[in-house]
């Protein structure tokens, strides 16, 4: 049979163990979140590295751009992506290269058009 002192020590030890277990579970959850965030950042940095490498050379064509737009749509989990070439001299947009998965309307290929004044000034600023 346990005395009052022994049962108090036992109860205290159990409380300490429960606290330690709870702390370990919280720490485990934090580590999983941090690991997931690091994995996502590594995936993004790898994507940017691949993108930079693909567009570093002179052999850039529409097929390569469209393939990258598709890859970006999948990676970013968006419904479509577009690249709008803009003339640096007069901020006129020429055509649109876009990708959208089947069943999603792509951005229309447009004739040259003027950007709005806010967009034009933002392009001019870089």
N, C-alpha and C. Protein backbone atom coordinates (compact mmCIF):
# COMPACT_ATOMS: atom_id res chain seq x y z
N UNK A 1 0.83 -1.17 0.00
CA UNK A 1 0.00 0.00 0.00
C UNK A 1 0.89 1.24 0.00
N UNK A 2 0.48 2.29 -0.73
CA UNK A 2 1.26 3.51 -0.83
C UNK A 2 0.84 4.50 0.25
N UNK A 3 1.83 5.15 0.81
CA UNK A 3 1.52 6.19 1.79
C UNK A 3 1.17 7.48 1.06
N UNK A 4 0.71 8.47 1.78
CA UNK A 4 0.32 9.75 1.18
C UNK A 4 1.49 10.43 0.49
N UNK A 5 2.67 10.32 1.06
CA UNK A 5 3.86 10.93 0.48
C UNK A 5 4.24 10.22 -0.81
N UNK A 6 4.21 8.87 -0.77
CA UNK A 6 4.55 8.09 -1.96
C UNK A 6 3.58 8.37 -3.10
N UNK A 7 2.29 8.44 -2.82
CA UNK A 7 1.32 8.70 -3.87
C UNK A 7 1.46 10.12 -4.41
N UNK A 8 1.86 11.07 -3.54
CA UNK A 8 2.10 12.45 -4.00
C UNK A 8 3.29 12.51 -4.94
N UNK A 9 4.35 11.79 -4.60
CA UNK A 9 5.54 11.74 -5.46
C UNK A 9 5.21 11.08 -6.79
N UNK A 10 4.43 9.99 -6.73
CA UNK A 10 4.01 9.29 -7.95
C UNK A 10 3.16 10.20 -8.83
N UNK A 11 2.22 10.91 -8.23
CA UNK A 11 1.36 11.82 -9.00
C UNK A 11 2.20 12.94 -9.61
N UNK A 12 3.16 13.46 -8.85
CA UNK A 12 4.05 14.51 -9.37
C UNK A 12 4.88 14.01 -10.54
N UNK A 13 5.40 12.79 -10.40
CA UNK A 13 6.21 12.21 -11.48
C UNK A 13 5.37 12.01 -12.73
N UNK A 14 4.12 11.56 -12.54
CA UNK A 14 3.22 11.37 -13.69
C UNK A 14 2.92 12.71 -14.38
N UNK A 15 2.71 13.75 -13.59
CA UNK A 15 2.46 15.07 -14.16
C UNK A 15 3.67 15.58 -14.94
N UNK A 16 4.85 15.38 -14.39
CA UNK A 16 6.07 15.79 -15.09
C UNK A 16 6.20 15.02 -16.41
N UNK A 17 5.95 13.72 -16.38
CA UNK A 17 6.02 12.91 -17.60
C UNK A 17 5.00 13.38 -18.63
N UNK A 18 3.78 13.66 -18.18
CA UNK A 18 2.75 14.14 -19.11
C UNK A 18 3.16 15.47 -19.73
N UNK A 19 3.74 16.34 -18.93
CA UNK A 19 4.21 17.63 -19.45
C UNK A 19 5.32 17.45 -20.48
N UNK A 20 6.25 16.56 -20.18
CA UNK A 20 7.34 16.30 -21.12
C UNK A 20 6.82 15.71 -22.42
N UNK A 21 5.90 14.77 -22.33
CA UNK A 21 5.32 14.16 -23.53
C UNK A 21 4.59 15.21 -24.36
N UNK A 22 3.80 16.06 -23.70
CA UNK A 22 3.09 17.12 -24.42
C UNK A 22 4.08 18.06 -25.11
N UNK A 23 5.15 18.42 -24.41
CA UNK A 23 6.18 19.29 -24.99
C UNK A 23 6.84 18.64 -26.20
N UNK A 24 7.13 17.36 -26.10
CA UNK A 24 7.74 16.65 -27.22
C UNK A 24 6.80 16.59 -28.43
N UNK A 25 5.52 16.39 -28.18
CA UNK A 25 4.55 16.36 -29.29
C UNK A 25 4.45 17.72 -29.98
N UNK A 26 4.46 18.79 -29.18
CA UNK A 26 4.42 20.14 -29.76
C UNK A 26 5.68 20.39 -30.58
N UNK A 27 6.82 20.02 -30.06
CA UNK A 27 8.08 20.21 -30.78
C UNK A 27 8.11 19.39 -32.07
N UNK A 28 7.59 18.19 -32.03
CA UNK A 28 7.53 17.35 -33.23
C UNK A 28 6.68 18.01 -34.31
N UNK A 29 5.55 18.61 -33.91
CA UNK A 29 4.68 19.29 -34.87
C UNK A 29 5.40 20.50 -35.47
N UNK A 30 6.11 21.26 -34.64
CA UNK A 30 6.87 22.41 -35.15
C UNK A 30 7.93 21.98 -36.15
N UNK A 31 8.62 20.91 -35.83
CA UNK A 31 9.66 20.42 -36.75
C UNK A 31 9.08 19.96 -38.08
N UNK A 32 7.94 19.31 -38.05
CA UNK A 32 7.30 18.88 -39.29
C UNK A 32 6.91 20.08 -40.15
N UNK A 33 6.35 21.12 -39.50
CA UNK A 33 5.99 22.33 -40.25
C UNK A 33 7.22 22.98 -40.85
N UNK A 34 8.29 23.08 -40.06
CA UNK A 34 9.52 23.69 -40.55
C UNK A 34 10.11 22.88 -41.70
N UNK A 35 10.08 21.57 -41.58
CA UNK A 35 10.59 20.71 -42.64
C UNK A 35 9.79 20.87 -43.92
N UNK A 36 8.48 20.95 -43.78
CA UNK A 36 7.62 21.13 -44.95
C UNK A 36 7.90 22.47 -45.62
N UNK A 37 8.06 23.52 -44.82
CA UNK A 37 8.36 24.84 -45.38
C UNK A 37 9.71 24.84 -46.09
N UNK A 38 10.69 24.18 -45.51
CA UNK A 38 12.01 24.10 -46.15
C UNK A 38 11.94 23.30 -47.45
N UNK A 39 11.19 22.22 -47.46
CA UNK A 39 11.03 21.42 -48.68
C UNK A 39 10.40 22.25 -49.79
N UNK A 40 9.38 23.03 -49.44
CA UNK A 40 8.69 23.87 -50.41
C UNK A 40 9.63 24.95 -50.94
N UNK A 41 10.41 25.54 -50.06
CA UNK A 41 11.36 26.56 -50.50
C UNK A 41 12.42 25.96 -51.42
N UNK A 42 12.89 24.77 -51.10
CA UNK A 42 13.88 24.11 -51.95
C UNK A 42 13.30 23.82 -53.33
N UNK A 43 12.05 23.36 -53.37
CA UNK A 43 11.39 23.11 -54.65
C UNK A 43 11.31 24.40 -55.47
N UNK A 44 10.94 25.51 -54.82
CA UNK A 44 10.82 26.78 -55.51
C UNK A 44 12.18 27.26 -56.01
N UNK A 45 13.21 27.17 -55.18
CA UNK A 45 14.55 27.60 -55.59
C UNK A 45 15.09 26.73 -56.72
N UNK A 46 14.77 25.44 -56.70
CA UNK A 46 15.17 24.55 -57.79
C UNK A 46 14.46 24.95 -59.08
N UNK A 47 13.18 25.27 -58.98
CA UNK A 47 12.42 25.73 -60.14
C UNK A 47 13.05 26.99 -60.72
N UNK A 48 13.38 27.96 -59.86
CA UNK A 48 13.99 29.20 -60.34
C UNK A 48 15.36 28.94 -60.97
N UNK A 49 16.11 28.05 -60.39
CA UNK A 49 17.42 27.70 -60.93
C UNK A 49 17.27 27.07 -62.32
N UNK A 50 16.34 26.15 -62.46
CA UNK A 50 16.10 25.52 -63.76
C UNK A 50 15.63 26.56 -64.79
N UNK A 51 14.77 27.46 -64.37
CA UNK A 51 14.26 28.51 -65.25
C UNK A 51 15.41 29.40 -65.71
N UNK A 52 16.25 29.81 -64.78
CA UNK A 52 17.39 30.66 -65.13
C UNK A 52 18.33 29.95 -66.10
N UNK A 53 18.58 28.68 -65.86
CA UNK A 53 19.47 27.93 -66.73
C UNK A 53 18.89 27.78 -68.13
N UNK A 54 17.59 27.53 -68.22
CA UNK A 54 16.96 27.36 -69.53
C UNK A 54 16.94 28.64 -70.35
N UNK A 55 16.86 29.78 -69.68
CA UNK A 55 16.75 31.04 -70.41
C UNK A 55 18.05 31.84 -70.42
N UNK A 56 19.15 31.21 -70.05
CA UNK A 56 20.44 31.90 -70.03
C UNK A 56 21.05 31.99 -71.43
N UNK A 57 20.69 31.06 -72.29
CA UNK A 57 21.29 31.03 -73.61
C UNK A 57 20.47 31.76 -74.66
N UNK A 58 20.97 31.78 -75.88
CA UNK A 58 20.30 32.50 -76.96
C UNK A 58 19.15 31.71 -77.60
N UNK A 59 19.01 30.44 -77.29
CA UNK A 59 18.03 29.59 -77.97
C UNK A 59 16.68 29.59 -77.25
N UNK A 60 16.08 30.76 -77.13
CA UNK A 60 14.77 30.88 -76.50
C UNK A 60 13.73 30.96 -77.60
N UNK A 61 12.77 30.06 -77.56
CA UNK A 61 11.69 30.09 -78.54
C UNK A 61 10.35 29.93 -77.85
N UNK A 62 9.28 30.08 -78.62
CA UNK A 62 7.94 30.01 -78.04
C UNK A 62 7.65 28.67 -77.38
N UNK A 63 8.16 27.58 -77.96
CA UNK A 63 7.91 26.26 -77.35
C UNK A 63 8.49 26.17 -75.95
N UNK A 64 9.70 26.68 -75.79
CA UNK A 64 10.34 26.65 -74.48
C UNK A 64 9.56 27.51 -73.49
N UNK A 65 9.13 28.68 -73.93
CA UNK A 65 8.35 29.56 -73.06
C UNK A 65 7.04 28.90 -72.67
N UNK A 66 6.36 28.29 -73.63
CA UNK A 66 5.08 27.63 -73.34
C UNK A 66 5.27 26.46 -72.38
N UNK A 67 6.37 25.71 -72.55
CA UNK A 67 6.64 24.60 -71.64
C UNK A 67 6.86 25.12 -70.22
N UNK A 68 7.53 26.25 -70.09
CA UNK A 68 7.74 26.83 -68.77
C UNK A 68 6.46 27.39 -68.19
N UNK A 69 5.62 27.97 -69.02
CA UNK A 69 4.34 28.46 -68.51
C UNK A 69 3.52 27.30 -67.96
N UNK A 70 3.55 26.18 -68.66
CA UNK A 70 2.83 24.99 -68.17
C UNK A 70 3.41 24.54 -66.83
N UNK A 71 4.72 24.49 -66.76
CA UNK A 71 5.37 24.06 -65.51
C UNK A 71 5.02 25.00 -64.35
N UNK A 72 4.98 26.30 -64.64
CA UNK A 72 4.62 27.27 -63.60
C UNK A 72 3.17 27.13 -63.15
N UNK A 73 2.27 26.86 -64.11
CA UNK A 73 0.86 26.66 -63.76
C UNK A 73 0.72 25.49 -62.79
N UNK A 74 1.42 24.41 -63.08
CA UNK A 74 1.36 23.23 -62.21
C UNK A 74 2.00 23.52 -60.85
N UNK A 75 3.18 24.13 -60.86
CA UNK A 75 3.90 24.39 -59.62
C UNK A 75 3.14 25.35 -58.71
N UNK A 76 2.62 26.43 -59.29
CA UNK A 76 1.94 27.45 -58.49
C UNK A 76 0.47 27.12 -58.24
N UNK A 77 -0.01 26.06 -58.88
CA UNK A 77 -1.41 25.63 -58.73
C UNK A 77 -2.37 26.77 -59.07
N UNK A 78 -2.16 27.35 -60.27
CA UNK A 78 -3.03 28.39 -60.78
C UNK A 78 -3.72 27.87 -62.03
N UNK A 79 -4.74 28.59 -62.52
CA UNK A 79 -5.49 28.07 -63.65
C UNK A 79 -4.87 28.43 -65.00
N UNK A 80 -4.02 29.44 -65.07
CA UNK A 80 -3.37 29.79 -66.33
C UNK A 80 -2.20 30.72 -66.06
N UNK A 81 -1.34 30.85 -67.06
CA UNK A 81 -0.20 31.77 -66.97
C UNK A 81 0.02 32.37 -68.34
N UNK A 82 0.52 33.60 -68.36
CA UNK A 82 0.76 34.28 -69.63
C UNK A 82 2.03 35.10 -69.55
N UNK A 83 2.65 35.25 -70.69
CA UNK A 83 3.81 36.13 -70.84
C UNK A 83 3.43 37.15 -71.90
N UNK A 84 3.54 38.41 -71.54
CA UNK A 84 3.16 39.48 -72.46
C UNK A 84 4.42 40.28 -72.78
N UNK A 85 4.99 40.08 -73.96
CA UNK A 85 6.17 40.87 -74.33
C UNK A 85 5.79 42.34 -74.49
N UNK A 86 6.61 43.22 -73.95
CA UNK A 86 6.33 44.66 -73.98
C UNK A 86 7.52 45.39 -74.58
N UNK A 87 7.22 46.30 -75.51
CA UNK A 87 8.26 47.11 -76.12
C UNK A 87 8.78 48.11 -75.09
N UNK A 88 10.10 48.15 -74.88
CA UNK A 88 10.64 49.09 -73.90
C UNK A 88 10.51 50.55 -74.35
N UNK A 89 10.42 50.77 -75.65
CA UNK A 89 10.38 52.15 -76.13
C UNK A 89 9.04 52.83 -75.92
N UNK A 90 7.94 52.11 -76.15
CA UNK A 90 6.63 52.77 -76.04
C UNK A 90 5.63 51.99 -75.17
N UNK A 91 6.10 50.98 -74.45
CA UNK A 91 5.26 50.18 -73.54
C UNK A 91 4.07 49.55 -74.24
N UNK A 92 4.24 49.21 -75.50
CA UNK A 92 3.19 48.52 -76.23
C UNK A 92 3.38 47.02 -76.05
N UNK A 93 2.29 46.33 -75.73
CA UNK A 93 2.33 44.88 -75.56
C UNK A 93 2.11 44.23 -76.92
N UNK A 94 2.93 43.25 -77.24
CA UNK A 94 2.82 42.56 -78.51
C UNK A 94 2.51 41.09 -78.29
N UNK A 95 1.29 40.71 -78.58
CA UNK A 95 0.91 39.31 -78.48
C UNK A 95 0.92 38.80 -77.06
N UNK A 96 0.49 37.59 -76.91
CA UNK A 96 0.46 36.95 -75.60
C UNK A 96 0.82 35.49 -75.79
N UNK A 97 1.75 35.01 -75.01
CA UNK A 97 2.03 33.58 -74.95
C UNK A 97 1.40 33.11 -73.66
N UNK A 98 0.50 32.14 -73.76
CA UNK A 98 -0.17 31.69 -72.55
C UNK A 98 -0.34 30.19 -72.55
N UNK A 99 -0.53 29.67 -71.34
CA UNK A 99 -0.84 28.26 -71.17
C UNK A 99 -2.01 28.15 -70.20
N UNK A 100 -2.92 27.29 -70.53
CA UNK A 100 -4.01 26.92 -69.63
C UNK A 100 -4.29 25.44 -69.86
N UNK A 101 -4.54 24.69 -68.81
CA UNK A 101 -4.82 23.27 -68.99
C UNK A 101 -6.14 23.06 -69.74
N UNK A 102 -6.35 21.87 -70.26
CA UNK A 102 -7.60 21.60 -70.97
C UNK A 102 -8.81 21.94 -70.10
N UNK A 103 -9.78 22.59 -70.72
CA UNK A 103 -10.99 22.97 -70.00
C UNK A 103 -10.95 24.36 -69.40
N UNK A 104 -9.80 25.02 -69.46
CA UNK A 104 -9.66 26.38 -68.95
C UNK A 104 -9.34 27.29 -70.13
N UNK A 105 -10.06 28.38 -70.25
CA UNK A 105 -9.84 29.31 -71.36
C UNK A 105 -8.48 29.99 -71.21
N UNK A 106 -7.71 29.96 -72.28
CA UNK A 106 -6.40 30.60 -72.28
C UNK A 106 -6.57 32.10 -72.49
N UNK A 107 -5.56 32.86 -72.15
CA UNK A 107 -5.57 34.29 -72.45
C UNK A 107 -5.59 34.44 -73.97
N UNK A 108 -6.36 35.38 -74.48
CA UNK A 108 -6.42 35.53 -75.94
C UNK A 108 -5.11 36.07 -76.49
N UNK A 109 -4.75 35.57 -77.68
CA UNK A 109 -3.60 36.14 -78.38
C UNK A 109 -4.09 37.44 -78.98
N UNK A 110 -3.51 38.53 -78.54
CA UNK A 110 -4.03 39.82 -78.99
C UNK A 110 -3.08 40.50 -79.95
N UNK A 111 -3.62 41.45 -80.66
CA UNK A 111 -2.79 42.30 -81.50
C UNK A 111 -2.13 43.32 -80.59
N UNK A 112 -1.15 44.07 -81.11
CA UNK A 112 -0.49 45.05 -80.24
C UNK A 112 -1.52 45.96 -79.58
N UNK A 113 -1.34 46.20 -78.30
CA UNK A 113 -2.26 47.07 -77.59
C UNK A 113 -1.50 47.86 -76.55
N UNK A 114 -2.04 48.94 -76.17
CA UNK A 114 -1.40 49.78 -75.15
C UNK A 114 -1.78 49.28 -73.77
N UNK A 115 -0.81 49.31 -72.89
CA UNK A 115 -1.10 49.01 -71.48
C UNK A 115 -1.75 50.24 -70.87
N UNK A 116 -2.42 50.02 -69.77
CA UNK A 116 -2.96 51.15 -69.03
C UNK A 116 -1.82 52.01 -68.51
N UNK A 117 -2.08 53.26 -68.16
CA UNK A 117 -1.01 54.15 -67.72
C UNK A 117 -0.27 53.65 -66.48
N UNK A 118 -0.98 53.04 -65.56
CA UNK A 118 -0.31 52.55 -64.34
C UNK A 118 0.62 51.40 -64.69
N UNK A 119 0.13 50.46 -65.50
CA UNK A 119 0.96 49.33 -65.90
C UNK A 119 2.16 49.80 -66.71
N UNK A 120 1.95 50.74 -67.61
CA UNK A 120 3.06 51.26 -68.42
C UNK A 120 4.14 51.88 -67.55
N UNK A 121 3.74 52.66 -66.56
CA UNK A 121 4.75 53.29 -65.71
C UNK A 121 5.49 52.25 -64.86
N UNK A 122 4.78 51.20 -64.44
CA UNK A 122 5.42 50.14 -63.67
C UNK A 122 6.41 49.37 -64.53
N UNK A 123 6.06 49.11 -65.81
CA UNK A 123 7.01 48.46 -66.72
C UNK A 123 8.23 49.34 -66.92
N UNK A 124 8.00 50.64 -67.09
CA UNK A 124 9.11 51.57 -67.32
C UNK A 124 10.07 51.61 -66.13
N UNK A 125 9.50 51.47 -64.92
CA UNK A 125 10.34 51.47 -63.71
C UNK A 125 11.09 50.16 -63.53
N UNK A 126 10.68 49.13 -64.26
CA UNK A 126 11.35 47.83 -64.15
C UNK A 126 10.72 46.96 -63.12
